[in-house]
Amino acid sequence: MKALIFAAGKGTRLKPFTEHHPKALVQVNEIPLLERNIKYLQSFGINEFVINVHHFGEQIVEFLRKNDNFGTKVEISDEKNELLETGGGLVFARKFLDFEEDFLILNADILTDLNLNEFIKFHKEKKDFATLAVSDRVSSRKLLFNEEMVLRGWLNVQTGEQRLAEFNKGFKPLAFSGIHCINPKIFDKIKRTGKFSIMEEYLDLMHTEAIQGFLHDARFIDVGRPESVLEAEQYFK
């Protein structure tokens, strides 16, 4: 299975580091996030990667070259002309991923100890269109799932705004963990072009496709702010 690592973002919340470097090279206990996530995925037998780059992308390419791609096969999806966000970035990387085999997506700025074998097994057993790792934790935005853990909506916790596929029958609000397992037929279903969030497509596609939530209680840290780097250093040695 291939994995797409989203590493193109500007990481504005991690300034001043990201004024001169990509957020994927932020260090947790002196090990860059990108290296940690490559080795995390390798520990589950994943050795083929697509990495999208934009903000100081050349530093990521050089970092990988210096480390001989950590013994893996790496293909670079270079968004040098425009940062395309997660949905646009996925479509832009299609030529590396559309081979009738499911693939993983992982945000470079998260750290987790989620058991990917269980996650992938769940996805394959369900024969899902897409499976999203989710957990019951504090978040300003939640995905809404029915009793079968199928995506039925989205909620902005702060404003109360909702987007629903049907009347909210007590749907379970859960926070997305930035890890997806995707069937490549998604490429033929996506309607948007250019710069857009993949979540926007999921919220459209939930009306016609089975998008499943995989509920986990694994450790999860979004390393998007300086204080979260300090938190991550307590748990990821």
Protein backbone atom coordinates (compact mmCIF):
# COMPACT_ATOMS: atom_id res chain seq x y z
CA MET A 1 0.00 0.00 0.00
CA LYS A 2 1.19 3.50 -0.84
CA ALA A 3 0.87 6.45 1.51
CA LEU A 4 0.37 10.09 0.56
CA ILE A 5 1.88 12.44 3.13
CA PHE A 6 0.54 15.99 3.02
CA ALA A 7 3.63 18.15 3.65
CA ALA A 8 2.86 21.25 1.56
CA GLY A 9 1.23 23.54 4.14
CA LYS A 10 2.72 26.82 5.32
CA GLY A 11 2.42 26.06 9.04
CA THR A 12 1.64 29.67 9.95
CA ARG A 13 0.92 28.75 13.59
CA LEU A 14 4.49 27.48 13.92
CA LYS A 15 6.21 30.75 13.16
CA PRO A 16 9.00 31.81 13.42
CA PHE A 17 10.33 28.35 12.41
CA THR A 18 8.11 28.19 9.35
CA GLU A 19 9.26 31.59 8.11
CA HIS A 20 12.39 29.78 6.91
CA HIS A 21 11.50 26.07 6.90
CA PRO A 22 8.59 23.72 6.04
CA LYS A 23 6.46 22.56 8.97
CA ALA A 24 7.19 18.92 8.04
CA LEU A 25 10.74 19.49 9.29
CA VAL A 26 9.69 20.77 12.72
CA GLN A 27 11.57 18.65 15.23
CA VAL A 28 10.12 16.69 18.14
CA ASN A 29 12.97 15.55 20.38
CA GLU A 30 15.39 16.44 17.57
CA ILE A 31 13.64 14.22 15.00
CA PRO A 32 11.71 15.96 12.16
CA LEU A 33 7.99 15.20 11.86
CA LEU A 34 8.42 13.89 8.33
CA GLU A 35 11.08 11.38 9.43
CA ARG A 36 8.91 10.27 12.35
CA ASN A 37 5.91 9.66 10.08
CA ILE A 38 7.88 7.84 7.42
CA LYS A 39 9.28 5.50 10.07
CA TYR A 40 5.84 5.15 11.69
CA LEU A 41 4.38 4.04 8.35
CA GLN A 42 7.39 1.80 7.68
CA SER A 43 6.71 0.00 10.96
CA PHE A 44 3.46 -1.24 9.37
CA GLY A 45 5.19 -2.39 6.18
CA ILE A 46 4.50 0.72 4.09
CA ASN A 47 7.53 1.57 1.96
CA GLU A 48 6.12 3.57 -0.96
CA PHE A 49 5.38 7.23 -0.43
CA VAL A 50 4.03 10.21 -2.30
CA ILE A 51 4.89 13.47 -0.55
CA ASN A 52 3.35 16.75 -1.65
CA VAL A 53 5.43 19.88 -1.20
CA HIS A 54 5.05 23.64 -1.65
CA HIS A 55 6.31 25.82 1.23
CA PHE A 56 10.14 25.46 1.20
CA GLY A 57 9.60 22.24 -0.72
CA GLU A 58 13.21 22.13 -1.84
CA GLN A 59 14.26 21.66 1.80
CA ILE A 60 12.08 18.55 2.05
CA VAL A 61 13.52 17.15 -1.19
CA GLU A 62 17.05 17.79 0.07
CA PHE A 63 16.29 16.29 3.49
CA LEU A 64 15.02 13.11 1.83
CA ARG A 65 18.03 12.96 -0.51
CA LYS A 66 20.48 13.30 2.37
CA ASN A 67 18.76 10.42 4.16
CA ASP A 68 18.47 8.23 1.06
CA ASN A 69 14.67 8.42 1.39
CA PHE A 70 15.03 6.32 4.58
CA GLY A 71 15.30 3.24 2.40
CA THR A 72 11.89 3.75 0.81
CA LYS A 73 10.54 4.71 -2.60
CA VAL A 74 9.48 8.37 -2.59
CA GLU A 75 7.71 10.33 -5.31
CA ILE A 76 7.35 14.10 -4.96
CA SER A 77 4.14 15.88 -5.93
CA ASP A 78 5.44 19.43 -6.31
CA GLU A 79 2.80 22.14 -5.92
CA LYS A 80 5.34 24.92 -6.44
CA ASN A 81 2.96 27.07 -8.50
CA GLU A 82 0.05 27.03 -6.05
CA LEU A 83 -0.73 25.51 -2.67
CA LEU A 84 -3.76 23.33 -3.45
CA GLU A 85 -4.93 22.29 0.05
CA THR A 86 -5.82 18.68 0.81
CA GLY A 87 -8.38 18.05 -1.93
CA GLY A 88 -6.50 19.83 -4.67
CA GLY A 89 -3.29 18.20 -3.48
CA LEU A 90 -4.87 14.76 -3.71
CA VAL A 91 -6.11 15.39 -7.27
CA PHE A 92 -2.71 16.83 -8.26
CA ALA A 93 -1.03 13.62 -7.01
CA ARG A 94 -3.45 11.36 -8.90
CA LYS A 95 -0.82 10.13 -11.37
CA PHE A 96 1.08 8.56 -8.45
CA LEU A 97 -1.94 6.94 -6.78
CA ASP A 98 -4.60 5.89 -9.27
CA PHE A 99 -3.68 2.22 -9.75
CA GLU A 100 -6.80 0.38 -8.51
CA GLU A 101 -5.24 -0.12 -5.08
CA ASP A 102 -6.34 1.51 -1.84
CA PHE A 103 -3.92 4.00 -0.33
CA LEU A 104 -3.38 5.89 2.92
CA ILE A 105 -3.30 9.63 3.48
CA LEU A 106 -1.53 11.11 6.49
CA ASN A 107 -0.96 14.74 7.48
CA ALA A 108 2.74 15.38 8.09
CA ASP A 109 2.05 17.51 11.17
CA ILE A 110 0.33 14.85 13.27
CA LEU A 111 1.86 12.26 15.55
CA THR A 112 -0.05 9.18 16.58
CA ASP A 113 0.42 5.59 17.72
CA LEU A 114 -2.74 4.39 15.94
CA ASN A 115 -2.48 0.72 14.93
CA LEU A 116 -2.60 1.04 11.14
CA ASN A 117 -2.99 -2.70 10.65
CA GLU A 118 -6.35 -2.55 12.45
CA PHE A 119 -7.34 0.59 10.55
CA ILE A 120 -6.52 -0.88 7.12
CA LYS A 121 -8.17 -4.21 7.99
CA PHE A 122 -11.36 -2.36 8.99
CA HIS A 123 -11.33 -0.41 5.70
CA LYS A 124 -10.86 -3.54 3.60
CA GLU A 125 -13.52 -5.52 5.47
CA LYS A 126 -16.04 -2.74 4.98
CA LYS A 127 -15.00 -2.36 1.33
CA ASP A 128 -15.46 1.34 1.93
CA PHE A 129 -15.19 4.20 -0.46
CA ALA A 130 -13.20 5.98 2.24
CA THR A 131 -12.44 5.39 5.91
CA LEU A 132 -11.55 8.23 8.27
CA ALA A 133 -9.77 7.75 11.60
CA VAL A 134 -11.72 9.63 14.28
CA SER A 135 -11.68 9.94 18.06
CA ASP A 136 -13.78 11.40 20.85
CA ARG A 137 -11.73 14.44 21.84
CA VAL A 138 -12.02 18.21 22.09
CA SER A 139 -12.13 19.90 18.68
CA SER A 140 -13.80 22.99 17.25
CA ARG A 141 -15.11 20.97 14.30
CA LYS A 142 -16.64 17.53 14.45
CA LEU A 143 -17.75 14.94 11.93
CA LEU A 144 -21.15 13.39 12.60
CA PHE A 145 -21.72 9.63 12.35
CA ASN A 146 -24.80 7.41 12.61
CA GLU A 147 -24.96 4.18 14.66
CA GLU A 148 -23.23 2.27 11.85
CA MET A 149 -20.37 4.82 11.94
CA VAL A 150 -21.21 6.12 8.47
CA LEU A 151 -20.55 9.83 7.89
CA ARG A 152 -23.78 11.85 7.92
CA GLY A 153 -22.64 15.38 8.67
CA TRP A 154 -20.32 18.04 10.01
CA LEU A 155 -20.60 20.40 12.97
CA ASN A 156 -18.88 23.66 13.88
CA VAL A 157 -18.91 23.36 17.66
CA GLN A 158 -18.35 27.09 18.22
CA THR A 159 -21.07 28.45 15.92
CA GLY A 160 -23.48 25.50 15.84
CA GLU A 161 -23.40 25.42 12.03
CA GLN A 162 -24.18 21.96 10.61
CA ARG A 163 -24.03 20.25 7.25
CA LEU A 164 -26.17 17.14 7.18
CA ALA A 165 -26.99 14.31 4.80
CA GLU A 166 -30.25 13.77 6.67
CA PHE A 167 -32.05 14.90 9.82
CA ASN A 168 -29.73 14.65 12.82
CA LYS A 169 -30.99 11.59 14.71
CA GLY A 170 -28.56 11.94 17.58
CA PHE A 171 -25.47 11.52 15.42
CA LYS A 172 -22.19 10.98 17.26
CA PRO A 173 -19.79 13.96 16.95
CA LEU A 174 -16.16 12.84 16.56
CA ALA A 175 -12.92 14.63 15.68
CA PHE A 176 -11.00 13.72 12.54
CA SER A 177 -7.45 12.47 13.13
CA GLY A 178 -5.93 13.38 9.75
CA ILE A 179 -5.59 9.76 8.58
CA HIS A 180 -7.66 8.38 5.69
CA CYS A 181 -7.76 5.09 3.79
CA ILE A 182 -9.05 5.70 0.28
CA ASN A 183 -10.28 3.70 -2.68
CA PRO A 184 -8.89 5.31 -5.87
CA LYS A 185 -12.35 5.41 -7.44
CA ILE A 186 -12.62 8.67 -5.49
CA PHE A 187 -10.75 10.34 -8.36
CA ASP A 188 -13.71 9.79 -10.67
CA LYS A 189 -16.15 11.17 -8.08
CA ILE A 190 -14.43 14.41 -7.07
CA LYS A 191 -16.12 17.37 -8.71
CA ARG A 192 -13.98 20.28 -7.56
CA THR A 193 -10.82 21.46 -9.28
CA GLY A 194 -7.93 23.71 -8.23
CA LYS A 195 -7.57 24.59 -4.57
CA PHE A 196 -10.03 22.95 -2.15
CA SER A 197 -10.34 20.86 1.01
CA ILE A 198 -10.93 17.12 0.70
CA MET A 199 -13.41 17.45 3.58
CA GLU A 200 -15.67 19.52 1.30
CA GLU A 201 -15.77 16.59 -1.11
CA TYR A 202 -16.45 14.09 1.67
CA LEU A 203 -19.42 16.17 2.81
CA ASP A 204 -20.79 16.12 -0.74
CA LEU A 205 -20.01 12.46 -1.32
CA MET A 206 -21.61 11.31 1.96
CA HIS A 207 -24.97 11.67 0.18
CA THR A 208 -24.11 8.89 -2.29
CA GLU A 209 -21.08 6.97 -0.95
CA ALA A 210 -20.27 5.04 2.24
CA ILE A 211 -17.66 7.05 4.12
CA GLN A 212 -16.92 5.16 7.31
CA GLY A 213 -15.49 6.36 10.60
CA PHE A 214 -12.90 4.23 12.41
CA LEU A 215 -13.20 5.10 16.09
CA HIS A 216 -9.91 4.84 17.98
CA ASP A 217 -8.50 5.83 21.35
CA ALA A 218 -4.86 6.00 20.24
CA ARG A 219 -2.66 8.91 21.22
CA PHE A 220 -3.03 11.76 18.74
CA ILE A 221 -1.26 15.13 18.71
CA ASP A 222 -1.72 17.81 16.06
CA VAL A 223 1.75 19.38 16.09
CA GLY A 224 0.49 22.68 14.70
CA ARG A 225 1.47 25.08 17.47
CA PRO A 226 4.65 25.60 19.54
CA GLU A 227 2.90 24.34 22.70
CA SER A 228 1.86 21.13 20.93
CA VAL A 229 5.51 20.47 20.07
CA LEU A 230 6.24 20.50 23.81
CA GLU A 231 3.29 18.17 24.43
CA ALA A 232 4.47 15.79 21.69
CA GLU A 233 7.95 15.67 23.23
CA GLN A 234 6.47 14.17 26.40
CA TYR A 235 5.07 11.16 24.55
CA PHE A 236 7.13 10.68 21.39
CA LYS A 237 10.73 10.09 22.35
